[in-house]
Amino acid sequence: MKLLGKSLHIASSGKLIARTTKTPSPGAVVFDSNKKKIGKVNYIFGPTSMPYVSIRLFGSANKDQIEKNCGEKLFVSKPKSKKSRKRRMRPRHKK
């Protein structure tokens, strides 16, 4: 796991806003300092040197607990590499 940044606040839309120094990949899973899954990276915005990250929280994440601990460190998992699928070729029919 890599350090994502610090949590700032929960927006009116229900998403957690965090500040980071490195741009994470969209869809990466976010963990709190206790290594519990709290959500996924939804949107990245702001300046390229210190972007903001919008995190869509999971239903199991306790929003009140997260809001109390604003300023805590967040971590992000390494994205899984997608395996490329080979397309099946249809057999050619001989005439």
PDB file of N, CA and C in Angstrom:
ATOM      1  N   MET A   1       0.835  -1.185   0.000  1.00  0.00           N
ATOM      2  CA  MET A   1       0.000   0.000   0.000  1.00  0.00           C
ATOM      3  C   MET A   1       0.877   1.244   0.000  1.00  0.00           C
ATOM      4  N   LYS A   2       0.394   2.242  -0.701  1.00  0.00           N
ATOM      5  CA  LYS A   2       1.115   3.506  -0.788  1.00  0.00           C
ATOM      6  C   LYS A   2       0.322   4.595  -0.074  1.00  0.00           C
ATOM      7  N   LEU A   3       1.028   5.583   0.419  1.00  0.00           N
ATOM      8  CA  LEU A   3       0.390   6.713   1.072  1.00  0.00           C
ATOM      9  C   LEU A   3      -0.337   7.545   0.026  1.00  0.00           C
ATOM     10  N   LEU A   4      -1.615   7.803   0.255  1.00  0.00           N
ATOM     11  CA  LEU A   4      -2.399   8.621  -0.665  1.00  0.00           C
ATOM     12  C   LEU A   4      -2.327  10.085  -0.266  1.00  0.00           C
ATOM     13  N   GLY A   5      -2.605  10.381   0.987  1.00  0.00           N
ATOM     14  CA  GLY A   5      -2.593  11.759   1.451  1.00  0.00           C
ATOM     15  C   GLY A   5      -3.399  11.876   2.726  1.00  0.00           C
ATOM     16  N   LYS A   6      -3.944  13.076   2.973  1.00  0.00           N
ATOM     17  CA  LYS A   6      -4.727  13.321   4.178  1.00  0.00           C
ATOM     18  C   LYS A   6      -6.164  13.645   3.797  1.00  0.00           C
ATOM     19  N   SER A   7      -7.092  13.162   4.620  1.00  0.00           N
ATOM     20  CA  SER A   7      -8.501  13.451   4.382  1.00  0.00           C
ATOM     21  C   SER A   7      -8.804  14.871   4.826  1.00  0.00           C
ATOM     22  N   LEU A   8      -9.668  15.552   4.081  1.00  0.00           N
ATOM     23  CA  LEU A   8     -10.025  16.928   4.407  1.00  0.00           C
ATOM     24  C   LEU A   8     -11.419  17.018   5.022  1.00  0.00           C
ATOM     25  N   HIS A   9     -12.436  16.577   4.271  1.00  0.00           N
ATOM     26  CA  HIS A   9     -13.810  16.643   4.758  1.00  0.00           C
ATOM     27  C   HIS A   9     -14.707  15.771   3.892  1.00  0.00           C
ATOM     28  N   ILE A  10     -15.952  15.617   4.340  1.00  0.00           N
ATOM     29  CA  ILE A  10     -16.948  14.915   3.536  1.00  0.00           C
ATOM     30  C   ILE A  10     -17.814  15.969   2.868  1.00  0.00           C
ATOM     31  N   ALA A  11     -17.915  15.907   1.552  1.00  0.00           N
ATOM     32  CA  ALA A  11     -18.673  16.884   0.774  1.00  0.00           C
ATOM     33  C   ALA A  11     -20.172  16.645   0.948  1.00  0.00           C
ATOM     34  N   SER A  12     -20.975  17.584   0.486  1.00  0.00           N
ATOM     35  CA  SER A  12     -22.431  17.458   0.594  1.00  0.00           C
ATOM     36  C   SER A  12     -22.959  16.298  -0.242  1.00  0.00           C
ATOM     37  N   SER A  13     -22.184  15.865  -1.231  1.00  0.00           N
ATOM     38  CA  SER A  13     -22.582  14.723  -2.063  1.00  0.00           C
ATOM     39  C   SER A  13     -22.326  13.391  -1.365  1.00  0.00           C
ATOM     40  N   GLY A  14     -21.621  13.434  -0.218  1.00  0.00           N
ATOM     41  CA  GLY A  14     -21.329  12.207   0.521  1.00  0.00           C
ATOM     42  C   GLY A  14     -19.972  11.619   0.203  1.00  0.00           C
ATOM     43  N   LYS A  15     -19.215  12.279  -0.654  1.00  0.00           N
ATOM     44  CA  LYS A  15     -17.889  11.783  -1.015  1.00  0.00           C
ATOM     45  C   LYS A  15     -16.831  12.416  -0.116  1.00  0.00           C
ATOM     46  N   LEU A  16     -15.799  11.651   0.177  1.00  0.00           N
ATOM     47  CA  LEU A  16     -14.688  12.127   0.992  1.00  0.00           C
ATOM     48  C   LEU A  16     -13.693  12.840   0.092  1.00  0.00           C
ATOM     49  N   ILE A  17     -13.255  14.023   0.506  1.00  0.00           N
ATOM     50  CA  ILE A  17     -12.282  14.796  -0.254  1.00  0.00           C
ATOM     51  C   ILE A  17     -10.943  14.702   0.467  1.00  0.00           C
ATOM     52  N   ALA A  18      -9.887  14.402  -0.296  1.00  0.00           N
ATOM     53  CA  ALA A  18      -8.546  14.258   0.271  1.00  0.00           C
ATOM     54  C   ALA A  18      -7.560  15.044  -0.578  1.00  0.00           C
ATOM     55  N   ARG A  19      -6.437  15.405   0.024  1.00  0.00           N
ATOM     56  CA  ARG A  19      -5.361  16.104  -0.689  1.00  0.00           C
ATOM     57  C   ARG A  19      -4.189  15.154  -0.802  1.00  0.00           C
ATOM     58  N   THR A  20      -3.561  15.097  -1.962  1.00  0.00           N
ATOM     59  CA  THR A  20      -2.475  14.158  -2.192  1.00  0.00           C
ATOM     60  C   THR A  20      -1.322  14.825  -2.926  1.00  0.00           C
ATOM     61  N   THR A  21      -0.180  14.174  -2.924  1.00  0.00           N
ATOM     62  CA  THR A  21       0.969  14.688  -3.659  1.00  0.00           C
ATOM     63  C   THR A  21       1.189  13.928  -4.959  1.00  0.00           C
ATOM     64  N   LYS A  22       0.673  12.704  -5.025  1.00  0.00           N
ATOM     65  CA  LYS A  22       0.802  11.892  -6.234  1.00  0.00           C
ATOM     66  C   LYS A  22      -0.584  11.547  -6.753  1.00  0.00           C
ATOM     67  N   THR A  23      -0.719  11.487  -8.042  1.00  0.00           N
ATOM     68  CA  THR A  23      -2.007  11.192  -8.649  1.00  0.00           C
ATOM     69  C   THR A  23      -2.267   9.687  -8.633  1.00  0.00           C
ATOM     70  N   PRO A  24      -3.322   9.241  -7.930  1.00  0.00           N
ATOM     71  CA  PRO A  24      -3.647   7.810  -7.919  1.00  0.00           C
ATOM     72  C   PRO A  24      -4.437   7.432  -9.173  1.00  0.00           C
ATOM     73  N   SER A  25      -4.560   6.158  -9.416  1.00  0.00           N
ATOM     74  CA  SER A  25      -5.358   5.720 -10.560  1.00  0.00           C
ATOM     75  C   SER A  25      -6.827   5.673 -10.154  1.00  0.00           C
ATOM     76  N   PRO A  26      -7.720   6.098 -11.038  1.00  0.00           N
ATOM     77  CA  PRO A  26      -9.151   6.040 -10.723  1.00  0.00           C
ATOM     78  C   PRO A  26      -9.598   4.603 -10.492  1.00  0.00           C
ATOM     79  N   GLY A  27     -10.417   4.407  -9.493  1.00  0.00           N
ATOM     80  CA  GLY A  27     -10.905   3.072  -9.182  1.00  0.00           C
ATOM     81  C   GLY A  27     -10.055   2.330  -8.172  1.00  0.00           C
ATOM     82  N   ALA A  28      -8.944   2.915  -7.728  1.00  0.00           N
ATOM     83  CA  ALA A  28      -8.088   2.269  -6.743  1.00  0.00           C
ATOM     84  C   ALA A  28      -8.783   2.269  -5.381  1.00  0.00           C
ATOM     85  N   VAL A  29      -8.596   1.215  -4.611  1.00  0.00           N
ATOM     86  CA  VAL A  29      -9.234   1.077  -3.299  1.00  0.00           C
ATOM     87  C   VAL A  29      -8.452   1.903  -2.277  1.00  0.00           C
ATOM     88  N   VAL A  30      -9.204   2.634  -1.421  1.00  0.00           N
ATOM     89  CA  VAL A  30      -8.611   3.506  -0.412  1.00  0.00           C
ATOM     90  C   VAL A  30      -8.816   2.893   0.965  1.00  0.00           C
ATOM     91  N   PHE A  31      -7.764   2.942   1.797  1.00  0.00           N
ATOM     92  CA  PHE A  31      -7.793   2.407   3.153  1.00  0.00           C
ATOM     93  C   PHE A  31      -7.516   3.544   4.131  1.00  0.00           C
ATOM     94  N   ASP A  32      -8.034   3.392   5.366  1.00  0.00           N
ATOM     95  CA  ASP A  32      -7.706   4.366   6.401  1.00  0.00           C
ATOM     96  C   ASP A  32      -6.448   3.923   7.131  1.00  0.00           C
ATOM     97  N   SER A  33      -6.099   4.626   8.203  1.00  0.00           N
ATOM     98  CA  SER A  33      -4.864   4.305   8.919  1.00  0.00           C
ATOM     99  C   SER A  33      -4.948   2.970   9.654  1.00  0.00           C
ATOM    100  N   ASN A  34      -6.166   2.457   9.874  1.00  0.00           N
ATOM    101  CA  ASN A  34      -6.349   1.144  10.511  1.00  0.00           C
ATOM    102  C   ASN A  34      -6.407   0.013   9.491  1.00  0.00           C
ATOM    103  N   LYS A  35      -6.113   0.318   8.240  1.00  0.00           N
ATOM    104  CA  LYS A  35      -6.107  -0.629   7.127  1.00  0.00           C
ATOM    105  C   LYS A  35      -7.482  -1.242   6.862  1.00  0.00           C
ATOM    106  N   LYS A  36      -8.522  -0.425   7.025  1.00  0.00           N
ATOM    107  CA  LYS A  36      -9.887  -0.833   6.692  1.00  0.00           C
ATOM    108  C   LYS A  36     -10.256  -0.170   5.374  1.00  0.00           C
ATOM    109  N   LYS A  37     -10.916  -0.923   4.498  1.00  0.00           N
ATOM    110  CA  LYS A  37     -11.349  -0.367   3.218  1.00  0.00           C
ATOM    111  C   LYS A  37     -12.441   0.659   3.478  1.00  0.00           C
ATOM    112  N   ILE A  38     -12.270   1.843   2.924  1.00  0.00           N
ATOM    113  CA  ILE A  38     -13.307   2.857   3.122  1.00  0.00           C
ATOM    114  C   ILE A  38     -13.953   3.302   1.814  1.00  0.00           C
ATOM    115  N   GLY A  39     -13.280   3.114   0.680  1.00  0.00           N
ATOM    116  CA  GLY A  39     -13.881   3.533  -0.579  1.00  0.00           C
ATOM    117  C   GLY A  39     -12.963   3.365  -1.763  1.00  0.00           C
ATOM    118  N   LYS A  40     -13.396   3.975  -2.880  1.00  0.00           N
ATOM    119  CA  LYS A  40     -12.631   3.928  -4.126  1.00  0.00           C
ATOM    120  C   LYS A  40     -12.423   5.343  -4.642  1.00  0.00           C
ATOM    121  N   VAL A  41     -11.306   5.532  -5.333  1.00  0.00           N
ATOM    122  CA  VAL A  41     -11.013   6.828  -5.952  1.00  0.00           C
ATOM    123  C   VAL A  41     -12.032   7.052  -7.058  1.00  0.00           C
ATOM    124  N   ASN A  42     -12.755   8.171  -6.949  1.00  0.00           N
ATOM    125  CA  ASN A  42     -13.818   8.461  -7.899  1.00  0.00           C
ATOM    126  C   ASN A  42     -13.378   9.490  -8.936  1.00  0.00           C
ATOM    127  N   TYR A  43     -12.795  10.579  -8.472  1.00  0.00           N
ATOM    128  CA  TYR A  43     -12.475  11.687  -9.367  1.00  0.00           C
ATOM    129  C   TYR A  43     -11.231  12.409  -8.851  1.00  0.00           C
ATOM    130  N   ILE A  44     -10.394  12.885  -9.752  1.00  0.00           N
ATOM    131  CA  ILE A  44      -9.178  13.608  -9.398  1.00  0.00           C
ATOM    132  C   ILE A  44      -9.283  14.986 -10.028  1.00  0.00           C
ATOM    133  N   PHE A  45      -9.082  16.029  -9.223  1.00  0.00           N
ATOM    134  CA  PHE A  45      -9.223  17.386  -9.739  1.00  0.00           C
ATOM    135  C   PHE A  45      -8.246  18.314  -9.037  1.00  0.00           C
ATOM    136  N   GLY A  46      -8.082  19.501  -9.589  1.00  0.00           N
ATOM    137  CA  GLY A  46      -7.195  20.497  -8.993  1.00  0.00           C
ATOM    138  C   GLY A  46      -5.850  20.554  -9.692  1.00  0.00           C
ATOM    139  N   PRO A  47      -4.886  21.226  -9.066  1.00  0.00           N
ATOM    140  CA  PRO A  47      -3.570  21.387  -9.695  1.00  0.00           C
ATOM    141  C   PRO A  47      -2.818  20.060  -9.770  1.00  0.00           C
ATOM    142  N   THR A  48      -1.966  19.934 -10.735  1.00  0.00           N
ATOM    143  CA  THR A  48      -1.247  18.678 -10.931  1.00  0.00           C
ATOM    144  C   THR A  48      -0.195  18.431  -9.872  1.00  0.00           C
ATOM    145  N   SER A  49       0.321  19.487  -9.247  1.00  0.00           N
ATOM    146  CA  SER A  49       1.356  19.289  -8.231  1.00  0.00           C
ATOM    147  C   SER A  49       0.774  18.767  -6.916  1.00  0.00           C
ATOM    148  N   MET A  50      -0.421  19.201  -6.530  1.00  0.00           N
ATOM    149  CA  MET A  50      -1.074  18.759  -5.295  1.00  0.00           C
ATOM    150  C   MET A  50      -2.576  18.581  -5.576  1.00  0.00           C
ATOM    151  N   PRO A  51      -2.964  17.507  -6.250  1.00  0.00           N
ATOM    152  CA  PRO A  51      -4.375  17.362  -6.626  1.00  0.00           C
ATOM    153  C   PRO A  51      -5.261  16.966  -5.448  1.00  0.00           C
ATOM    154  N   TYR A  52      -6.541  17.218  -5.632  1.00  0.00           N
ATOM    155  CA  TYR A  52      -7.565  16.753  -4.706  1.00  0.00           C
ATOM    156  C   TYR A  52      -8.129  15.459  -5.257  1.00  0.00           C
ATOM    157  N   VAL A  53      -8.606  14.589  -4.357  1.00  0.00           N
ATOM    158  CA  VAL A  53      -9.160  13.306  -4.767  1.00  0.00           C
ATOM    159  C   VAL A  53     -10.540  13.168  -4.146  1.00  0.00           C
ATOM    160  N   SER A  54     -11.516  12.820  -4.955  1.00  0.00           N
ATOM    161  CA  SER A  54     -12.857  12.533  -4.473  1.00  0.00           C
ATOM    162  C   SER A  54     -12.965  11.017  -4.306  1.00  0.00           C
ATOM    163  N   ILE A  55     -13.359  10.574  -3.104  1.00  0.00           N
ATOM    164  CA  ILE A  55     -13.426   9.146  -2.794  1.00  0.00           C
ATOM    165  C   ILE A  55     -14.868   8.754  -2.534  1.00  0.00           C
ATOM    166  N   ARG A  56     -15.379   7.808  -3.324  1.00  0.00           N
ATOM    167  CA  ARG A  56     -16.727   7.293  -3.127  1.00  0.00           C
ATOM    168  C   ARG A  56     -16.670   6.265  -2.008  1.00  0.00           C
ATOM    169  N   LEU A  57     -17.350   6.552  -0.892  1.00  0.00           N
ATOM    170  CA  LEU A  57     -17.278   5.689   0.280  1.00  0.00           C
ATOM    171  C   LEU A  57     -18.126   4.442   0.095  1.00  0.00           C
ATOM    172  N   PHE A  58     -17.658   3.334   0.671  1.00  0.00           N
ATOM    173  CA  PHE A  58     -18.430   2.100   0.677  1.00  0.00           C
ATOM    174  C   PHE A  58     -19.564   2.240   1.680  1.00  0.00           C
ATOM    175  N   GLY A  59     -20.595   1.431   1.527  1.00  0.00           N
ATOM    176  CA  GLY A  59     -21.724   1.452   2.458  1.00  0.00           C
ATOM    177  C   GLY A  59     -21.322   1.026   3.852  1.00  0.00           C
ATOM    178  N   SER A  60     -20.298   0.178   3.956  1.00  0.00           N
ATOM    179  CA  SER A  60     -19.850  -0.313   5.260  1.00  0.00           C
ATOM    180  C   SER A  60     -18.997   0.709   6.006  1.00  0.00           C
ATOM    181  N   ALA A  61     -18.557   1.767   5.327  1.00  0.00           N
ATOM    182  CA  ALA A  61     -17.707   2.781   5.962  1.00  0.00           C
ATOM    183  C   ALA A  61     -18.567   3.671   6.858  1.00  0.00           C
ATOM    184  N   ASN A  62     -18.088   3.958   8.050  1.00  0.00           N
ATOM    185  CA  ASN A  62     -18.791   4.793   9.010  1.00  0.00           C
ATOM    186  C   ASN A  62     -18.452   6.258   8.739  1.00  0.00           C
ATOM    187  N   LYS A  63     -19.412   7.013   8.160  1.00  0.00           N
ATOM    188  CA  LYS A  63     -19.150   8.398   7.783  1.00  0.00           C
ATOM    189  C   LYS A  63     -18.864   9.275   9.000  1.00  0.00           C
ATOM    190  N   ASP A  64     -19.560   9.028  10.105  1.00  0.00           N
ATOM    191  CA  ASP A  64     -19.339   9.841  11.304  1.00  0.00           C
ATOM    192  C   ASP A  64     -17.921   9.663  11.834  1.00  0.00           C
ATOM    193  N   GLN A  65     -17.450   8.417  11.838  1.00  0.00           N
ATOM    194  CA  GLN A  65     -16.093   8.129  12.322  1.00  0.00           C
ATOM    195  C   GLN A  65     -15.048   8.765  11.403  1.00  0.00           C
ATOM    196  N   ILE A  66     -15.293   8.709  10.103  1.00  0.00           N
ATOM    197  CA  ILE A  66     -14.359   9.297   9.135  1.00  0.00           C
ATOM    198  C   ILE A  66     -14.326  10.811   9.287  1.00  0.00           C
ATOM    199  N   GLU A  67     -15.498  11.414   9.502  1.00  0.00           N
ATOM    200  CA  GLU A  67     -15.564  12.867   9.643  1.00  0.00           C
ATOM    201  C   GLU A  67     -14.868  13.330  10.927  1.00  0.00           C
ATOM    202  N   LYS A  68     -14.943  12.533  11.995  1.00  0.00           N
ATOM    203  CA  LYS A  68     -14.256  12.869  13.239  1.00  0.00           C
ATOM    204  C   LYS A  68     -12.743  12.850  13.054  1.00  0.00           C
ATOM    205  N   ASN A  69     -12.263  11.928  12.237  1.00  0.00           N
ATOM    206  CA  ASN A  69     -10.827  11.743  12.045  1.00  0.00           C
ATOM    207  C   ASN A  69     -10.303  12.479  10.810  1.00  0.00           C
ATOM    208  N   CYS A  70     -10.856  13.640  10.496  1.00  0.00           N
ATOM    209  CA  CYS A  70     -10.360  14.417   9.360  1.00  0.00           C
ATOM    210  C   CYS A  70      -8.908  14.796   9.614  1.00  0.00           C
ATOM    211  N   GLY A  71      -8.103  14.666   8.604  1.00  0.00           N
ATOM    212  CA  GLY A  71      -6.686  14.956   8.727  1.00  0.00           C
ATOM    213  C   GLY A  71      -5.851  13.697   8.898  1.00  0.00           C
ATOM    214  N   GLU A  72      -6.510  12.526   8.994  1.00  0.00           N
ATOM    215  CA  GLU A  72      -5.740  11.290   9.132  1.00  0.00           C
ATOM    216  C   GLU A  72      -5.205  10.847   7.782  1.00  0.00           C
ATOM    217  N   LYS A  73      -4.181  10.040   7.817  1.00  0.00           N
ATOM    218  CA  LYS A  73      -3.547   9.566   6.591  1.00  0.00           C
ATOM    219  C   LYS A  73      -4.410   8.500   5.928  1.00  0.00           C
ATOM    220  N   LEU A  74      -4.440   8.557   4.610  1.00  0.00           N
ATOM    221  CA  LEU A  74      -5.146   7.563   3.810  1.00  0.00           C
ATOM    222  C   LEU A  74      -4.135   6.843   2.934  1.00  0.00           C
ATOM    223  N   PHE A  75      -4.432   5.598   2.643  1.00  0.00           N
ATOM    224  CA  PHE A  75      -3.547   4.781   1.828  1.00  0.00           C
ATOM    225  C   PHE A  75      -4.327   4.246   0.635  1.00  0.00           C
ATOM    226  N   VAL A  76      -3.598   3.922  -0.415  1.00  0.00           N
ATOM    227  CA  VAL A  76      -4.216   3.404  -1.630  1.00  0.00           C
ATOM    228  C   VAL A  76      -3.518   2.113  -2.017  1.00  0.00           C
ATOM    229  N   SER A  77      -4.301   1.172  -2.538  1.00  0.00           N
ATOM    230  CA  SER A  77      -3.726  -0.105  -2.961  1.00  0.00           C
ATOM    231  C   SER A  77      -3.138   0.039  -4.350  1.00  0.00           C
ATOM    232  N   LYS A  78      -2.238  -0.848  -4.651  1.00  0.00           N
ATOM    233  CA  LYS A  78      -1.686  -0.872  -5.995  1.00  0.00           C
ATOM    234  C   LYS A  78      -2.768  -1.401  -6.929  1.00  0.00           C
ATOM    235  N   PRO A  79      -2.977  -0.752  -8.059  1.00  0.00           N
ATOM    236  CA  PRO A  79      -4.015  -1.233  -8.970  1.00  0.00           C
ATOM    237  C   PRO A  79      -3.628  -2.568  -9.584  1.00  0.00           C
ATOM    238  N   LYS A  80      -4.607  -3.426  -9.722  1.00  0.00           N
ATOM    239  CA  LYS A  80      -4.356  -4.719 -10.343  1.00  0.00           C
ATOM    240  C   LYS A  80      -4.172  -4.526 -11.842  1.00  0.00           C
ATOM    241  N   SER A  81      -3.212  -5.229 -12.385  1.00  0.00           N
ATOM    242  CA  SER A  81      -2.996  -5.113 -13.822  1.00  0.00           C
ATOM    243  C   SER A  81      -4.053  -5.928 -14.544  1.00  0.00           C
ATOM    244  N   LYS A  82      -4.593  -5.324 -15.565  1.00  0.00           N
ATOM    245  CA  LYS A  82      -5.622  -6.003 -16.339  1.00  0.00           C
ATOM    246  C   LYS A  82      -4.949  -6.884 -17.375  1.00  0.00           C
ATOM    247  N   LYS A  83      -5.365  -8.119 -17.415  1.00  0.00           N
ATOM    248  CA  LYS A  83      -4.822  -9.021 -18.420  1.00  0.00           C
ATOM    249  C   LYS A  83      -5.558  -8.781 -19.727  1.00  0.00           C
ATOM    250  N   SER A  84      -4.798  -8.725 -20.782  1.00  0.00           N
ATOM    251  CA  SER A  84      -5.438  -8.531 -22.067  1.00  0.00           C
ATOM    252  C   SER A  84      -5.999  -9.863 -22.542  1.00  0.00           C
ATOM    253  N   ARG A  85      -7.177  -9.768 -23.055  1.00  0.00           N
ATOM    254  CA  ARG A  85      -7.828 -10.976 -23.560  1.00  0.00           C
ATOM    255  C   ARG A  85      -7.561 -11.102 -25.043  1.00  0.00           C
ATOM    256  N   LYS A  86      -7.273 -12.306 -25.438  1.00  0.00           N
ATOM    257  CA  LYS A  86      -7.115 -12.543 -26.862  1.00  0.00           C
ATOM    258  C   LYS A  86      -8.479 -12.895 -27.420  1.00  0.00           C
ATOM    259  N   ARG A  87      -8.738 -12.354 -28.559  1.00  0.00           N
ATOM    260  CA  ARG A  87     -10.013 -12.606 -29.197  1.00  0.00           C
ATOM    261  C   ARG A  87      -9.975 -13.949 -29.892  1.00  0.00           C
ATOM    262  N   ARG A  88     -11.018 -14.715 -29.705  1.00  0.00           N
ATOM    263  CA  ARG A  88     -11.080 -16.021 -30.372  1.00  0.00           C
ATOM    264  C   ARG A  88     -11.336 -15.854 -31.852  1.00  0.00           C
ATOM    265  N   MET A  89     -10.604 -16.578 -32.607  1.00  0.00           N
ATOM    266  CA  MET A  89     -10.795 -16.516 -34.050  1.00  0.00           C
ATOM    267  C   MET A  89     -11.781 -17.595 -34.450  1.00  0.00           C
ATOM    268  N   ARG A  90     -12.685 -17.219 -35.302  1.00  0.00           N
ATOM    269  CA  ARG A  90     -13.653 -18.201 -35.799  1.00  0.00           C
ATOM    270  C   ARG A  90     -12.983 -19.052 -36.866  1.00  0.00           C
ATOM    271  N   PRO A  91     -13.283 -20.313 -36.862  1.00  0.00           N
ATOM    272  CA  PRO A  91     -12.685 -21.157 -37.917  1.00  0.00           C
ATOM    273  C   PRO A  91     -13.260 -20.775 -39.282  1.00  0.00           C
ATOM    274  N   ARG A  92     -12.396 -20.789 -40.246  1.00  0.00           N
ATOM    275  CA  ARG A  92     -12.846 -20.469 -41.609  1.00  0.00           C
ATOM    276  C   ARG A  92     -13.410 -21.719 -42.260  1.00  0.00           C
ATOM    277  N   HIS A  93     -14.487 -21.534 -42.921  1.00  0.00           N
ATOM    278  CA  HIS A  93     -15.099 -22.667 -43.621  1.00  0.00           C
ATOM    279  C   HIS A  93     -14.538 -22.770 -45.032  1.00  0.00           C
ATOM    280  N   LYS A  94     -14.181 -23.973 -45.384  1.00  0.00           N
ATOM    281  CA  LYS A  94     -13.650 -24.186 -46.727  1.00  0.00           C
ATOM    282  C   LYS A  94     -14.806 -24.376 -47.687  1.00  0.00           C
ATOM    283  N   LYS A  95     -14.644 -23.853 -48.878  1.00  0.00           N
ATOM    284  CA  LYS A  95     -15.687 -23.991 -49.904  1.00  0.00           C
ATOM    285  C   LYS A  95     -15.419 -25.128 -50.819  1.00  0.00           C
TER     286      LYS A  95
END
